[in-house]
């Protein structure tokens, strides 16, 4: 639970790069032992979400590692383009209706300006695609490799606040699935996921302090 809660806080930018994660206050906040907190933080370190603080013994939220993003993006694209191919071949009318309802939930979040709600609805939409494809485990695998990409997506929402393009792309995906067009669905998904690369490039210019290359100097903020 501690790992999941801290991971969500880091991915959603409620805890931002450079923020210290001290065992004692975290243990008090969670009502847990320090070894349990340490175990959760070590798991986050394995995911490159936290790193050793250079000025004292402790950990801090890591910057987003640029070199990890292309590989994670390609792995996700390989899995999710396959997912929508399967979905386009086997989706039932009821499942297509559920996909359309999921897109409408995203639109409702956009209207309300609810970034957290939109992100949750976006995640639910992609999970539902895997369910419709008959391979829900695909989304579990994607979830393990996309944490850094999710951080970029959440940062993009916080900086730019634009949900509309993703919603329209989701709408087009559902239309391709409903039309039984697996090739078009796969092409749309690939384009949808490739769009994150452009967002990352822009974010790197706007908020460079949240990203790093291996030879960058230590993060002092």
N, C-alpha and C. Protein backbone atom coordinates (compact mmCIF):
# COMPACT_ATOMS: atom_id res chain seq x y z
N UNK A 1 0.83 -1.19 0.00
CA UNK A 1 0.00 0.00 0.00
C UNK A 1 0.87 1.26 0.00
N UNK A 2 1.94 1.24 0.80
CA UNK A 2 2.84 2.40 0.85
C UNK A 2 3.50 2.61 -0.50
N UNK A 3 3.98 1.53 -1.10
CA UNK A 3 4.60 1.64 -2.43
C UNK A 3 3.61 2.19 -3.44
N UNK A 4 2.40 1.65 -3.45
CA UNK A 4 1.40 2.10 -4.43
C UNK A 4 1.05 3.57 -4.24
N UNK A 5 0.89 3.98 -2.98
CA UNK A 5 0.50 5.36 -2.71
C UNK A 5 1.61 6.33 -3.09
N UNK A 6 2.84 6.01 -2.74
CA UNK A 6 3.97 6.88 -3.09
C UNK A 6 4.19 6.90 -4.60
N UNK A 7 4.05 5.74 -5.22
CA UNK A 7 4.21 5.67 -6.68
C UNK A 7 3.19 6.56 -7.37
N UNK A 8 1.93 6.49 -6.94
CA UNK A 8 0.89 7.33 -7.53
C UNK A 8 1.18 8.81 -7.31
N UNK A 9 1.69 9.14 -6.12
CA UNK A 9 2.00 10.54 -5.82
C UNK A 9 3.13 11.05 -6.70
N UNK A 10 4.11 10.21 -6.98
CA UNK A 10 5.23 10.61 -7.83
C UNK A 10 4.78 10.74 -9.28
N UNK A 11 4.04 9.76 -9.76
CA UNK A 11 3.58 9.78 -11.15
C UNK A 11 2.66 10.96 -11.41
N UNK A 12 1.82 11.30 -10.44
CA UNK A 12 0.86 12.39 -10.60
C UNK A 12 1.45 13.76 -10.31
N UNK A 13 2.73 13.81 -9.91
CA UNK A 13 3.42 15.06 -9.58
C UNK A 13 2.88 15.71 -8.31
N UNK A 14 2.19 14.93 -7.48
CA UNK A 14 1.90 15.45 -6.14
C UNK A 14 3.20 15.50 -5.33
N UNK A 15 4.12 14.59 -5.63
CA UNK A 15 5.48 14.67 -5.13
C UNK A 15 6.38 14.90 -6.33
N UNK A 16 7.09 16.01 -6.33
CA UNK A 16 7.83 16.44 -7.51
C UNK A 16 9.31 16.11 -7.42
N UNK A 17 9.99 16.04 -8.56
CA UNK A 17 11.42 15.74 -8.56
C UNK A 17 12.19 16.65 -7.61
N UNK A 18 13.07 16.04 -6.82
CA UNK A 18 13.86 16.76 -5.84
C UNK A 18 13.29 16.69 -4.44
N UNK A 19 12.03 16.32 -4.28
CA UNK A 19 11.42 16.26 -2.95
C UNK A 19 12.00 15.09 -2.16
N UNK A 20 12.37 15.37 -0.92
CA UNK A 20 12.96 14.35 -0.06
C UNK A 20 11.90 13.39 0.47
N UNK A 21 12.25 12.11 0.52
CA UNK A 21 11.41 11.08 1.12
C UNK A 21 12.14 10.57 2.36
N UNK A 22 11.74 11.06 3.50
CA UNK A 22 12.38 10.68 4.76
C UNK A 22 11.59 9.57 5.43
N UNK A 23 12.29 8.55 5.88
CA UNK A 23 11.64 7.36 6.41
C UNK A 23 10.78 7.66 7.65
N UNK A 24 11.33 8.42 8.59
CA UNK A 24 10.61 8.61 9.85
C UNK A 24 9.26 9.29 9.67
N UNK A 25 9.19 10.46 8.99
CA UNK A 25 7.87 11.09 8.81
C UNK A 25 6.92 10.25 7.97
N UNK A 26 7.46 9.52 7.00
CA UNK A 26 6.59 8.66 6.19
C UNK A 26 6.03 7.52 7.04
N UNK A 27 6.87 6.94 7.88
CA UNK A 27 6.41 5.86 8.75
C UNK A 27 5.31 6.36 9.68
N UNK A 28 5.49 7.58 10.20
CA UNK A 28 4.47 8.15 11.08
C UNK A 28 3.17 8.42 10.31
N UNK A 29 3.31 8.93 9.10
CA UNK A 29 2.13 9.26 8.30
C UNK A 29 1.33 8.02 7.93
N UNK A 30 2.04 6.93 7.64
CA UNK A 30 1.36 5.70 7.23
C UNK A 30 1.05 4.78 8.40
N UNK A 31 1.55 5.10 9.58
CA UNK A 31 1.35 4.22 10.72
C UNK A 31 2.04 2.89 10.51
N UNK A 32 3.23 2.94 9.92
CA UNK A 32 3.96 1.72 9.58
C UNK A 32 5.37 1.79 10.15
N UNK A 33 6.06 0.68 10.13
CA UNK A 33 7.44 0.64 10.61
C UNK A 33 8.37 1.24 9.56
N UNK A 34 9.52 1.71 10.02
CA UNK A 34 10.49 2.25 9.07
C UNK A 34 11.00 1.19 8.09
N UNK A 35 11.21 -0.06 8.52
CA UNK A 35 11.61 -1.08 7.53
C UNK A 35 10.59 -1.26 6.41
N UNK A 36 9.29 -1.15 6.74
CA UNK A 36 8.26 -1.27 5.70
C UNK A 36 8.36 -0.09 4.71
N UNK A 37 8.57 1.11 5.25
CA UNK A 37 8.72 2.28 4.39
C UNK A 37 9.97 2.13 3.54
N UNK A 38 11.05 1.67 4.15
CA UNK A 38 12.30 1.48 3.40
C UNK A 38 12.11 0.48 2.27
N UNK A 39 11.37 -0.57 2.53
CA UNK A 39 11.11 -1.57 1.49
C UNK A 39 10.34 -0.95 0.33
N UNK A 40 9.35 -0.12 0.62
CA UNK A 40 8.58 0.55 -0.44
C UNK A 40 9.46 1.49 -1.24
N UNK A 41 10.32 2.25 -0.54
CA UNK A 41 11.20 3.20 -1.23
C UNK A 41 12.21 2.46 -2.09
N UNK A 42 12.71 1.33 -1.62
CA UNK A 42 13.65 0.55 -2.43
C UNK A 42 13.00 0.05 -3.72
N UNK A 43 11.73 -0.32 -3.64
CA UNK A 43 11.01 -0.72 -4.85
C UNK A 43 10.89 0.45 -5.82
N UNK A 44 10.65 1.63 -5.29
CA UNK A 44 10.57 2.83 -6.14
C UNK A 44 11.92 3.13 -6.77
N UNK A 45 13.01 2.87 -6.02
CA UNK A 45 14.35 3.07 -6.57
C UNK A 45 14.60 2.12 -7.73
N UNK A 46 14.12 0.87 -7.61
CA UNK A 46 14.26 -0.09 -8.70
C UNK A 46 13.54 0.37 -9.96
N UNK A 47 12.48 1.17 -9.78
CA UNK A 47 11.71 1.70 -10.92
C UNK A 47 12.24 3.05 -11.38
N UNK A 48 13.36 3.49 -10.83
CA UNK A 48 13.99 4.78 -11.14
C UNK A 48 13.07 5.97 -10.82
N UNK A 49 12.20 5.79 -9.83
CA UNK A 49 11.32 6.87 -9.43
C UNK A 49 11.88 7.66 -8.24
N UNK A 50 12.80 7.06 -7.50
CA UNK A 50 13.51 7.78 -6.45
C UNK A 50 15.00 7.49 -6.59
N UNK A 51 15.81 8.36 -5.95
CA UNK A 51 17.26 8.22 -6.04
C UNK A 51 17.89 8.68 -4.73
N UNK A 52 19.13 8.31 -4.53
CA UNK A 52 19.85 8.70 -3.33
C UNK A 52 20.06 10.21 -3.32
N UNK A 53 19.77 10.85 -2.19
CA UNK A 53 19.97 12.29 -2.05
C UNK A 53 21.46 12.55 -1.86
N UNK A 54 22.07 13.45 -2.64
CA UNK A 54 23.52 13.63 -2.57
C UNK A 54 24.00 14.35 -1.31
N UNK A 55 23.11 15.07 -0.61
CA UNK A 55 23.55 15.91 0.49
C UNK A 55 23.34 15.28 1.87
N UNK A 56 22.58 14.22 1.94
CA UNK A 56 22.41 13.55 3.24
C UNK A 56 21.92 12.13 2.99
N UNK A 57 21.95 11.33 4.04
CA UNK A 57 21.47 9.95 3.91
C UNK A 57 19.95 9.97 3.79
N UNK A 58 19.46 9.55 2.67
CA UNK A 58 18.03 9.57 2.41
C UNK A 58 17.77 9.52 0.92
N UNK A 59 16.51 9.52 0.56
CA UNK A 59 16.11 9.43 -0.84
C UNK A 59 15.29 10.65 -1.23
N UNK A 60 15.23 10.89 -2.51
CA UNK A 60 14.42 11.98 -3.04
C UNK A 60 13.75 11.51 -4.32
N UNK A 61 12.70 12.20 -4.71
CA UNK A 61 12.02 11.88 -5.96
C UNK A 61 12.97 12.18 -7.12
N UNK A 62 13.12 11.22 -8.02
CA UNK A 62 14.05 11.36 -9.14
C UNK A 62 13.46 12.21 -10.25
N UNK A 63 14.35 12.80 -11.03
CA UNK A 63 13.93 13.40 -12.28
C UNK A 63 13.58 12.30 -13.28
N UNK A 64 12.96 12.69 -14.38
CA UNK A 64 12.56 11.73 -15.40
C UNK A 64 13.76 11.40 -16.27
N UNK A 65 14.17 10.12 -16.34
CA UNK A 65 15.36 9.75 -17.12
C UNK A 65 15.04 9.69 -18.62
N UNK A 66 15.60 10.62 -19.37
CA UNK A 66 15.27 10.72 -20.79
C UNK A 66 15.62 9.45 -21.56
N UNK A 67 16.72 8.80 -21.20
CA UNK A 67 17.14 7.63 -21.97
C UNK A 67 16.20 6.44 -21.77
N UNK A 68 15.41 6.45 -20.70
CA UNK A 68 14.49 5.34 -20.47
C UNK A 68 13.21 5.47 -21.28
N UNK A 69 12.92 6.67 -21.79
CA UNK A 69 11.62 6.91 -22.41
C UNK A 69 11.44 6.24 -23.77
N UNK A 70 12.42 6.31 -24.69
CA UNK A 70 12.18 5.69 -26.01
C UNK A 70 11.89 4.20 -25.93
N UNK A 71 12.68 3.47 -25.13
CA UNK A 71 12.47 2.02 -25.03
C UNK A 71 11.10 1.70 -24.44
N UNK A 72 10.73 2.40 -23.36
CA UNK A 72 9.42 2.17 -22.75
C UNK A 72 8.31 2.48 -23.74
N UNK A 73 8.49 3.55 -24.51
CA UNK A 73 7.48 3.91 -25.50
C UNK A 73 7.32 2.87 -26.58
N UNK A 74 8.43 2.33 -27.06
CA UNK A 74 8.36 1.30 -28.10
C UNK A 74 7.75 0.01 -27.58
N UNK A 75 8.08 -0.35 -26.36
CA UNK A 75 7.50 -1.56 -25.77
C UNK A 75 5.99 -1.40 -25.60
N UNK A 76 5.58 -0.23 -25.13
CA UNK A 76 4.14 -0.01 -24.96
C UNK A 76 3.44 -0.03 -26.32
N UNK A 77 4.05 0.59 -27.31
CA UNK A 77 3.42 0.63 -28.63
C UNK A 77 3.28 -0.77 -29.22
N UNK A 78 4.31 -1.59 -29.06
CA UNK A 78 4.25 -2.96 -29.58
C UNK A 78 3.08 -3.73 -28.97
N UNK A 79 2.87 -3.56 -27.67
CA UNK A 79 1.79 -4.28 -27.00
C UNK A 79 0.42 -3.70 -27.35
N UNK A 80 0.30 -2.39 -27.32
CA UNK A 80 -1.03 -1.81 -27.47
C UNK A 80 -1.52 -1.79 -28.92
N UNK A 81 -0.62 -1.76 -29.90
CA UNK A 81 -1.09 -1.89 -31.28
C UNK A 81 -1.62 -3.31 -31.50
N UNK A 82 -0.99 -4.28 -30.86
CA UNK A 82 -1.51 -5.65 -30.94
C UNK A 82 -2.86 -5.76 -30.25
N UNK A 83 -3.00 -5.09 -29.12
CA UNK A 83 -4.27 -5.10 -28.38
C UNK A 83 -5.42 -4.61 -29.26
N UNK A 84 -5.24 -3.48 -29.94
CA UNK A 84 -6.36 -2.93 -30.71
C UNK A 84 -6.64 -3.76 -31.97
N UNK A 85 -5.63 -4.45 -32.48
CA UNK A 85 -5.90 -5.38 -33.59
C UNK A 85 -6.85 -6.49 -33.13
N UNK A 86 -6.54 -7.07 -31.96
CA UNK A 86 -7.42 -8.11 -31.43
C UNK A 86 -8.81 -7.54 -31.13
N UNK A 87 -8.83 -6.34 -30.55
CA UNK A 87 -10.12 -5.74 -30.19
C UNK A 87 -10.99 -5.52 -31.42
N UNK A 88 -10.38 -5.08 -32.51
CA UNK A 88 -11.14 -4.81 -33.74
C UNK A 88 -11.71 -6.09 -34.34
N UNK A 89 -11.11 -7.21 -34.03
CA UNK A 89 -11.58 -8.49 -34.58
C UNK A 89 -12.67 -9.13 -33.74
N UNK A 90 -12.72 -8.80 -32.45
CA UNK A 90 -13.60 -9.58 -31.57
C UNK A 90 -14.56 -8.75 -30.72
N UNK A 91 -14.52 -7.43 -30.79
CA UNK A 91 -15.36 -6.60 -29.92
C UNK A 91 -16.84 -6.86 -30.17
N UNK A 92 -17.59 -7.02 -29.09
CA UNK A 92 -19.04 -7.18 -29.18
C UNK A 92 -19.72 -5.81 -29.15
N UNK A 93 -20.97 -5.72 -29.57
CA UNK A 93 -21.68 -4.42 -29.48
C UNK A 93 -21.68 -3.85 -28.07
N UNK A 94 -21.84 -4.71 -27.08
CA UNK A 94 -21.84 -4.22 -25.70
C UNK A 94 -20.47 -3.65 -25.33
N UNK A 95 -19.41 -4.30 -25.75
CA UNK A 95 -18.07 -3.81 -25.45
C UNK A 95 -17.79 -2.48 -26.16
N UNK A 96 -18.26 -2.36 -27.39
CA UNK A 96 -18.09 -1.09 -28.11
C UNK A 96 -18.84 0.03 -27.40
N UNK A 97 -20.02 -0.29 -26.89
CA UNK A 97 -20.78 0.70 -26.12
C UNK A 97 -20.02 1.11 -24.86
N UNK A 98 -19.36 0.17 -24.21
CA UNK A 98 -18.57 0.49 -23.02
C UNK A 98 -17.37 1.37 -23.37
N UNK A 99 -16.75 1.11 -24.51
CA UNK A 99 -15.63 1.94 -24.96
C UNK A 99 -16.11 3.37 -25.22
N UNK A 100 -17.26 3.49 -25.87
CA UNK A 100 -17.79 4.83 -26.15
C UNK A 100 -18.15 5.56 -24.86
N UNK A 101 -18.70 4.83 -23.89
CA UNK A 101 -19.03 5.44 -22.60
C UNK A 101 -17.76 5.90 -21.89
N UNK A 102 -16.67 5.14 -22.05
CA UNK A 102 -15.41 5.52 -21.44
C UNK A 102 -14.90 6.84 -22.03
N UNK A 103 -15.03 6.99 -23.34
CA UNK A 103 -14.61 8.25 -23.99
C UNK A 103 -15.47 9.40 -23.48
N UNK A 104 -16.76 9.16 -23.29
CA UNK A 104 -17.64 10.22 -22.78
C UNK A 104 -17.25 10.63 -21.36
N UNK A 105 -16.79 9.67 -20.55
CA UNK A 105 -16.32 10.03 -19.21
C UNK A 105 -15.10 10.94 -19.29
N UNK A 106 -14.24 10.67 -20.27
CA UNK A 106 -13.08 11.54 -20.47
C UNK A 106 -13.53 12.96 -20.86
N UNK A 107 -14.54 13.05 -21.71
CA UNK A 107 -15.05 14.36 -22.12
C UNK A 107 -15.64 15.11 -20.92
N UNK A 108 -16.33 14.39 -20.05
CA UNK A 108 -16.90 15.01 -18.86
C UNK A 108 -15.79 15.57 -17.97
N UNK A 109 -14.69 14.85 -17.85
CA UNK A 109 -13.55 15.33 -17.07
C UNK A 109 -12.93 16.56 -17.71
N UNK A 110 -12.85 16.57 -19.04
CA UNK A 110 -12.32 17.75 -19.73
C UNK A 110 -13.19 18.96 -19.45
N UNK A 111 -14.51 18.79 -19.54
CA UNK A 111 -15.43 19.89 -19.28
C UNK A 111 -15.28 20.42 -17.86
N UNK A 112 -15.04 19.51 -16.91
CA UNK A 112 -14.91 19.90 -15.51
C UNK A 112 -13.50 20.38 -15.16
N UNK A 113 -12.57 20.24 -16.11
CA UNK A 113 -11.18 20.60 -15.82
C UNK A 113 -10.55 19.69 -14.80
N UNK A 114 -11.00 18.45 -14.75
CA UNK A 114 -10.57 17.47 -13.75
C UNK A 114 -9.41 16.63 -14.31
N UNK A 115 -8.18 17.07 -14.05
CA UNK A 115 -7.01 16.38 -14.58
C UNK A 115 -6.86 14.99 -13.97
N UNK A 116 -7.03 14.88 -12.66
CA UNK A 116 -6.91 13.56 -12.01
C UNK A 116 -7.97 12.60 -12.53
N UNK A 117 -9.20 13.10 -12.67
CA UNK A 117 -10.28 12.26 -13.19
C UNK A 117 -10.03 11.85 -14.62
N UNK A 118 -9.49 12.76 -15.41
CA UNK A 118 -9.19 12.43 -16.81
C UNK A 118 -8.12 11.35 -16.89
N UNK A 119 -7.07 11.50 -16.09
CA UNK A 119 -6.01 10.49 -16.14
C UNK A 119 -6.56 9.12 -15.76
N UNK A 120 -7.41 9.07 -14.72
CA UNK A 120 -8.00 7.80 -14.31
C UNK A 120 -8.89 7.23 -15.41
N UNK A 121 -9.66 8.09 -16.07
CA UNK A 121 -10.53 7.63 -17.15
C UNK A 121 -9.72 7.16 -18.35
N UNK A 122 -8.61 7.84 -18.62
CA UNK A 122 -7.70 7.45 -19.70
C UNK A 122 -7.13 6.05 -19.42
N UNK A 123 -6.66 5.85 -18.20
CA UNK A 123 -6.13 4.54 -17.81
C UNK A 123 -7.21 3.46 -17.95
N UNK A 124 -8.42 3.77 -17.51
CA UNK A 124 -9.52 2.80 -17.58
C UNK A 124 -9.84 2.44 -19.03
N UNK A 125 -9.75 3.43 -19.92
CA UNK A 125 -10.01 3.20 -21.34
C UNK A 125 -8.99 2.20 -21.92
N UNK A 126 -7.72 2.42 -21.63
CA UNK A 126 -6.69 1.52 -22.17
C UNK A 126 -6.80 0.13 -21.54
N UNK A 127 -7.15 0.07 -20.26
CA UNK A 127 -7.36 -1.23 -19.63
C UNK A 127 -8.54 -1.96 -20.27
N UNK A 128 -9.59 -1.21 -20.59
CA UNK A 128 -10.77 -1.80 -21.22
C UNK A 128 -10.43 -2.32 -22.61
N UNK A 129 -9.57 -1.64 -23.34
CA UNK A 129 -9.15 -2.13 -24.65
C UNK A 129 -8.52 -3.52 -24.54
N UNK A 130 -7.68 -3.71 -23.52
CA UNK A 130 -7.06 -5.03 -23.33
C UNK A 130 -8.11 -6.08 -22.97
N UNK A 131 -9.09 -5.67 -22.18
CA UNK A 131 -10.17 -6.60 -21.84
C UNK A 131 -10.96 -6.98 -23.08
N UNK A 132 -11.29 -6.01 -23.91
CA UNK A 132 -12.04 -6.28 -25.14
C UNK A 132 -11.23 -7.17 -26.07
N UNK A 133 -9.92 -6.98 -26.08
CA UNK A 133 -9.04 -7.81 -26.92
C UNK A 133 -8.98 -9.25 -26.44
N UNK A 134 -9.41 -9.49 -25.20
CA UNK A 134 -9.34 -10.84 -24.65
C UNK A 134 -8.01 -11.13 -23.97
N UNK A 135 -7.19 -10.08 -23.77
CA UNK A 135 -5.88 -10.25 -23.16
C UNK A 135 -5.65 -9.16 -22.10
N UNK A 136 -6.39 -9.21 -21.00
CA UNK A 136 -6.24 -8.17 -19.97
C UNK A 136 -4.85 -8.11 -19.36
N UNK A 137 -4.12 -9.21 -19.43
CA UNK A 137 -2.76 -9.22 -18.90
C UNK A 137 -1.82 -8.30 -19.65
N UNK A 138 -2.16 -7.97 -20.91
CA UNK A 138 -1.33 -7.03 -21.66
C UNK A 138 -1.23 -5.70 -20.91
N UNK A 139 -2.37 -5.23 -20.39
CA UNK A 139 -2.36 -3.94 -19.70
C UNK A 139 -1.56 -4.01 -18.41
N UNK A 140 -1.59 -5.16 -17.73
CA UNK A 140 -0.77 -5.33 -16.53
C UNK A 140 0.70 -5.17 -16.88
N UNK A 141 1.10 -5.75 -18.01
CA UNK A 141 2.49 -5.64 -18.45
C UNK A 141 2.84 -4.21 -18.82
N UNK A 142 1.95 -3.55 -19.55
CA UNK A 142 2.18 -2.14 -19.90
C UNK A 142 2.34 -1.30 -18.65
N UNK A 143 1.51 -1.58 -17.64
CA UNK A 143 1.57 -0.80 -16.41
C UNK A 143 2.92 -0.86 -15.73
N UNK A 144 3.64 -1.96 -15.91
CA UNK A 144 4.94 -2.11 -15.26
C UNK A 144 6.05 -1.36 -15.97
N UNK A 145 5.83 -0.96 -17.22
CA UNK A 145 6.90 -0.34 -17.99
C UNK A 145 6.68 1.13 -18.30
N UNK A 146 5.53 1.67 -17.94
CA UNK A 146 5.19 3.01 -18.42
C UNK A 146 5.19 4.09 -17.36
N UNK A 147 5.76 3.84 -16.19
CA UNK A 147 5.71 4.83 -15.11
C UNK A 147 6.32 6.16 -15.53
N UNK A 148 7.49 6.12 -16.19
CA UNK A 148 8.13 7.37 -16.58
C UNK A 148 7.33 8.08 -17.68
N UNK A 149 6.73 7.32 -18.58
CA UNK A 149 5.87 7.93 -19.60
C UNK A 149 4.67 8.58 -18.95
N UNK A 150 4.10 7.91 -17.95
CA UNK A 150 2.95 8.48 -17.24
C UNK A 150 3.33 9.80 -16.56
N UNK A 151 4.54 9.87 -16.02
CA UNK A 151 4.97 11.12 -15.41
C UNK A 151 4.99 12.25 -16.44
N UNK A 152 5.46 11.93 -17.64
CA UNK A 152 5.48 12.94 -18.71
C UNK A 152 4.06 13.35 -19.09
N UNK A 153 3.16 12.38 -19.17
CA UNK A 153 1.78 12.69 -19.53
C UNK A 153 1.12 13.56 -18.48
N UNK A 154 1.32 13.22 -17.21
CA UNK A 154 0.73 14.03 -16.14
C UNK A 154 1.34 15.42 -16.10
N UNK A 155 2.64 15.52 -16.31
CA UNK A 155 3.29 16.82 -16.35
C UNK A 155 2.75 17.65 -17.51
N UNK A 156 2.54 16.99 -18.66
CA UNK A 156 1.97 17.69 -19.80
C UNK A 156 0.59 18.25 -19.51
N UNK A 157 -0.23 17.47 -18.80
CA UNK A 157 -1.56 17.96 -18.43
C UNK A 157 -1.47 19.14 -17.48
N UNK A 158 -0.52 19.09 -16.54
CA UNK A 158 -0.37 20.18 -15.59
C UNK A 158 0.14 21.45 -16.27
N UNK A 159 1.04 21.29 -17.24
CA UNK A 159 1.65 22.45 -17.90
C UNK A 159 0.73 23.02 -18.98
N UNK A 160 0.15 22.13 -19.80
CA UNK A 160 -0.62 22.58 -20.95
C UNK A 160 -2.13 22.48 -20.76
N UNK A 161 -2.56 21.53 -19.92
CA UNK A 161 -3.98 21.38 -19.62
C UNK A 161 -4.84 20.92 -20.78
N UNK A 162 -4.24 20.34 -21.80
CA UNK A 162 -4.99 19.97 -23.00
C UNK A 162 -5.36 18.49 -22.98
N UNK A 163 -6.65 18.21 -22.87
CA UNK A 163 -7.14 16.83 -22.89
C UNK A 163 -7.81 16.48 -24.21
N UNK A 164 -8.25 17.51 -24.93
CA UNK A 164 -9.05 17.30 -26.13
C UNK A 164 -8.42 16.41 -27.19
N UNK A 165 -7.14 16.63 -27.58
CA UNK A 165 -6.55 15.79 -28.62
C UNK A 165 -6.56 14.30 -28.29
N UNK A 166 -6.24 13.94 -27.06
CA UNK A 166 -6.24 12.52 -26.67
C UNK A 166 -7.64 11.94 -26.76
N UNK A 167 -8.64 12.73 -26.37
CA UNK A 167 -10.03 12.25 -26.41
C UNK A 167 -10.46 12.00 -27.85
N UNK A 168 -10.13 12.91 -28.75
CA UNK A 168 -10.49 12.72 -30.15
C UNK A 168 -9.79 11.49 -30.75
N UNK A 169 -8.55 11.27 -30.34
CA UNK A 169 -7.82 10.08 -30.82
C UNK A 169 -8.46 8.81 -30.27
N UNK A 170 -8.89 8.84 -29.03
CA UNK A 170 -9.60 7.68 -28.47
C UNK A 170 -10.90 7.43 -29.22
N UNK A 171 -11.60 8.50 -29.54
CA UNK A 171 -12.86 8.38 -30.28
C UNK A 171 -12.63 7.72 -31.64
N UNK A 172 -11.57 8.13 -32.34
CA UNK A 172 -11.24 7.54 -33.64
C UNK A 172 -10.87 6.07 -33.49
N UNK A 173 -10.18 5.73 -32.41
CA UNK A 173 -9.84 4.32 -32.15
C UNK A 173 -11.08 3.47 -32.01
N UNK A 174 -12.04 3.97 -31.24
CA UNK A 174 -13.27 3.22 -31.03
C UNK A 174 -14.01 3.04 -32.36
N UNK A 175 -14.01 4.09 -33.19
CA UNK A 175 -14.67 3.99 -34.49
C UNK A 175 -14.02 2.92 -35.36
N UNK A 176 -12.69 2.83 -35.34
CA UNK A 176 -11.99 1.80 -36.13
C UNK A 176 -12.29 0.41 -35.60
N UNK A 177 -12.36 0.27 -34.29
CA UNK A 177 -12.69 -1.04 -33.69
C UNK A 177 -14.12 -1.43 -34.06
N UNK A 178 -15.05 -0.47 -33.97
CA UNK A 178 -16.45 -0.76 -34.30
C UNK A 178 -16.61 -1.13 -35.76
N UNK A 179 -15.75 -0.56 -36.63
CA UNK A 179 -15.81 -0.84 -38.07
C UNK A 179 -15.06 -2.11 -38.45
N UNK A 180 -14.49 -2.81 -37.48
CA UNK A 180 -13.73 -4.04 -37.72
C UNK A 180 -12.54 -3.78 -38.65
N UNK A 181 -11.78 -2.74 -38.35
CA UNK A 181 -10.62 -2.37 -39.17
C UNK A 181 -9.35 -2.44 -38.32
N UNK A 182 -8.78 -3.64 -38.15
CA UNK A 182 -7.63 -3.79 -37.27
C UNK A 182 -6.40 -3.00 -37.71
N UNK A 183 -6.16 -2.91 -39.03
CA UNK A 183 -4.99 -2.17 -39.50
C UNK A 183 -5.12 -0.69 -39.16
N UNK A 184 -6.30 -0.12 -39.38
CA UNK A 184 -6.51 1.29 -39.06
C UNK A 184 -6.43 1.52 -37.56
N UNK A 185 -6.99 0.60 -36.79
CA UNK A 185 -6.93 0.74 -35.33
C UNK A 185 -5.48 0.73 -34.85
N UNK A 186 -4.67 -0.17 -35.41
CA UNK A 186 -3.26 -0.24 -35.01
C UNK A 186 -2.51 1.03 -35.39
N UNK A 187 -2.78 1.55 -36.60
CA UNK A 187 -2.12 2.78 -37.04
C UNK A 187 -2.52 3.96 -36.15
N UNK A 188 -3.78 4.02 -35.78
CA UNK A 188 -4.25 5.11 -34.91
C UNK A 188 -3.62 5.01 -33.53
N UNK A 189 -3.51 3.80 -33.00
CA UNK A 189 -2.89 3.63 -31.70
C UNK A 189 -1.42 4.03 -31.74
N UNK A 190 -0.71 3.63 -32.80
CA UNK A 190 0.70 3.99 -32.93
C UNK A 190 0.86 5.51 -32.96
N UNK A 191 0.02 6.18 -33.73
CA UNK A 191 0.08 7.64 -33.82
C UNK A 191 -0.25 8.28 -32.47
N UNK A 192 -1.24 7.72 -31.79
CA UNK A 192 -1.65 8.21 -30.48
C UNK A 192 -0.49 8.15 -29.48
N UNK A 193 0.20 7.03 -29.45
CA UNK A 193 1.30 6.86 -28.51
C UNK A 193 2.54 7.65 -28.94
N UNK A 194 2.77 7.79 -30.24
CA UNK A 194 3.91 8.57 -30.72
C UNK A 194 3.76 10.05 -30.36
N UNK A 195 2.52 10.49 -30.18
CA UNK A 195 2.30 11.89 -29.83
C UNK A 195 2.93 12.28 -28.52
N UNK A 196 3.15 11.31 -27.65
CA UNK A 196 3.78 11.60 -26.37
C UNK A 196 5.20 12.12 -26.57
N UNK A 197 5.88 11.64 -27.61
CA UNK A 197 7.26 12.07 -27.87
C UNK A 197 7.33 13.57 -28.12
N UNK A 198 6.37 14.10 -28.86
CA UNK A 198 6.33 15.54 -29.09
C UNK A 198 6.09 16.32 -27.82
N UNK A 199 5.21 15.78 -26.97
CA UNK A 199 4.94 16.42 -25.68
C UNK A 199 6.20 16.45 -24.82
N UNK A 200 6.94 15.34 -24.82
CA UNK A 200 8.17 15.26 -24.02
C UNK A 200 9.19 16.30 -24.51
N UNK A 201 9.33 16.42 -25.83
CA UNK A 201 10.29 17.38 -26.38
C UNK A 201 9.94 18.81 -25.95
N UNK A 202 8.65 19.13 -25.96
CA UNK A 202 8.22 20.47 -25.55
C UNK A 202 8.43 20.67 -24.05
N UNK A 203 8.07 19.66 -23.26
CA UNK A 203 8.25 19.77 -21.81
C UNK A 203 9.72 19.94 -21.45
N UNK A 204 10.58 19.27 -22.18
CA UNK A 204 12.01 19.38 -21.88
C UNK A 204 12.49 20.82 -22.05
N UNK A 205 11.89 21.55 -23.00
CA UNK A 205 12.25 22.96 -23.18
C UNK A 205 11.62 23.85 -22.10
N UNK A 206 10.37 23.53 -21.73
CA UNK A 206 9.62 24.39 -20.81
C UNK A 206 10.05 24.17 -19.35
N UNK A 207 10.22 22.90 -18.96
CA UNK A 207 10.60 22.58 -17.57
C UNK A 207 11.78 21.61 -17.58
N UNK A 208 12.94 22.05 -18.07
CA UNK A 208 14.08 21.13 -18.18
C UNK A 208 14.56 20.56 -16.86
N UNK A 209 14.25 21.24 -15.75
CA UNK A 209 14.74 20.78 -14.45
C UNK A 209 14.13 19.45 -14.04
N UNK A 210 13.04 19.00 -14.70
CA UNK A 210 12.40 17.75 -14.33
C UNK A 210 12.93 16.55 -15.11
N UNK A 211 13.90 16.76 -16.00
CA UNK A 211 14.45 15.69 -16.83
C UNK A 211 15.96 15.62 -16.64
N UNK A 212 16.51 14.43 -16.91
CA UNK A 212 17.97 14.35 -16.85
C UNK A 212 18.51 13.30 -17.80
N UNK A 213 19.76 13.56 -18.23
CA UNK A 213 20.58 12.60 -18.94
C UNK A 213 21.63 12.09 -17.95
N UNK A 214 22.19 10.91 -18.19
CA UNK A 214 23.14 10.35 -17.22
C UNK A 214 24.33 11.26 -16.89
N UNK A 215 24.77 12.11 -17.83
CA UNK A 215 25.93 12.96 -17.58
C UNK A 215 25.55 14.35 -17.07
N UNK A 216 24.26 14.56 -16.75
CA UNK A 216 23.86 15.84 -16.19
C UNK A 216 24.40 16.00 -14.77
N UNK A 217 24.59 17.27 -14.32
CA UNK A 217 25.03 17.48 -12.94
C UNK A 217 23.93 17.10 -11.95
N UNK A 218 24.29 16.92 -10.68
CA UNK A 218 23.27 16.56 -9.67
C UNK A 218 22.16 17.58 -9.61
N UNK A 219 21.00 17.10 -9.27
CA UNK A 219 19.81 17.95 -9.13
C UNK A 219 19.88 18.64 -7.77
N UNK A 220 20.02 19.95 -7.77
CA UNK A 220 20.25 20.67 -6.52
C UNK A 220 19.04 21.35 -5.97
N UNK A 221 17.90 21.32 -6.71
CA UNK A 221 16.73 22.05 -6.25
C UNK A 221 16.01 21.30 -5.15
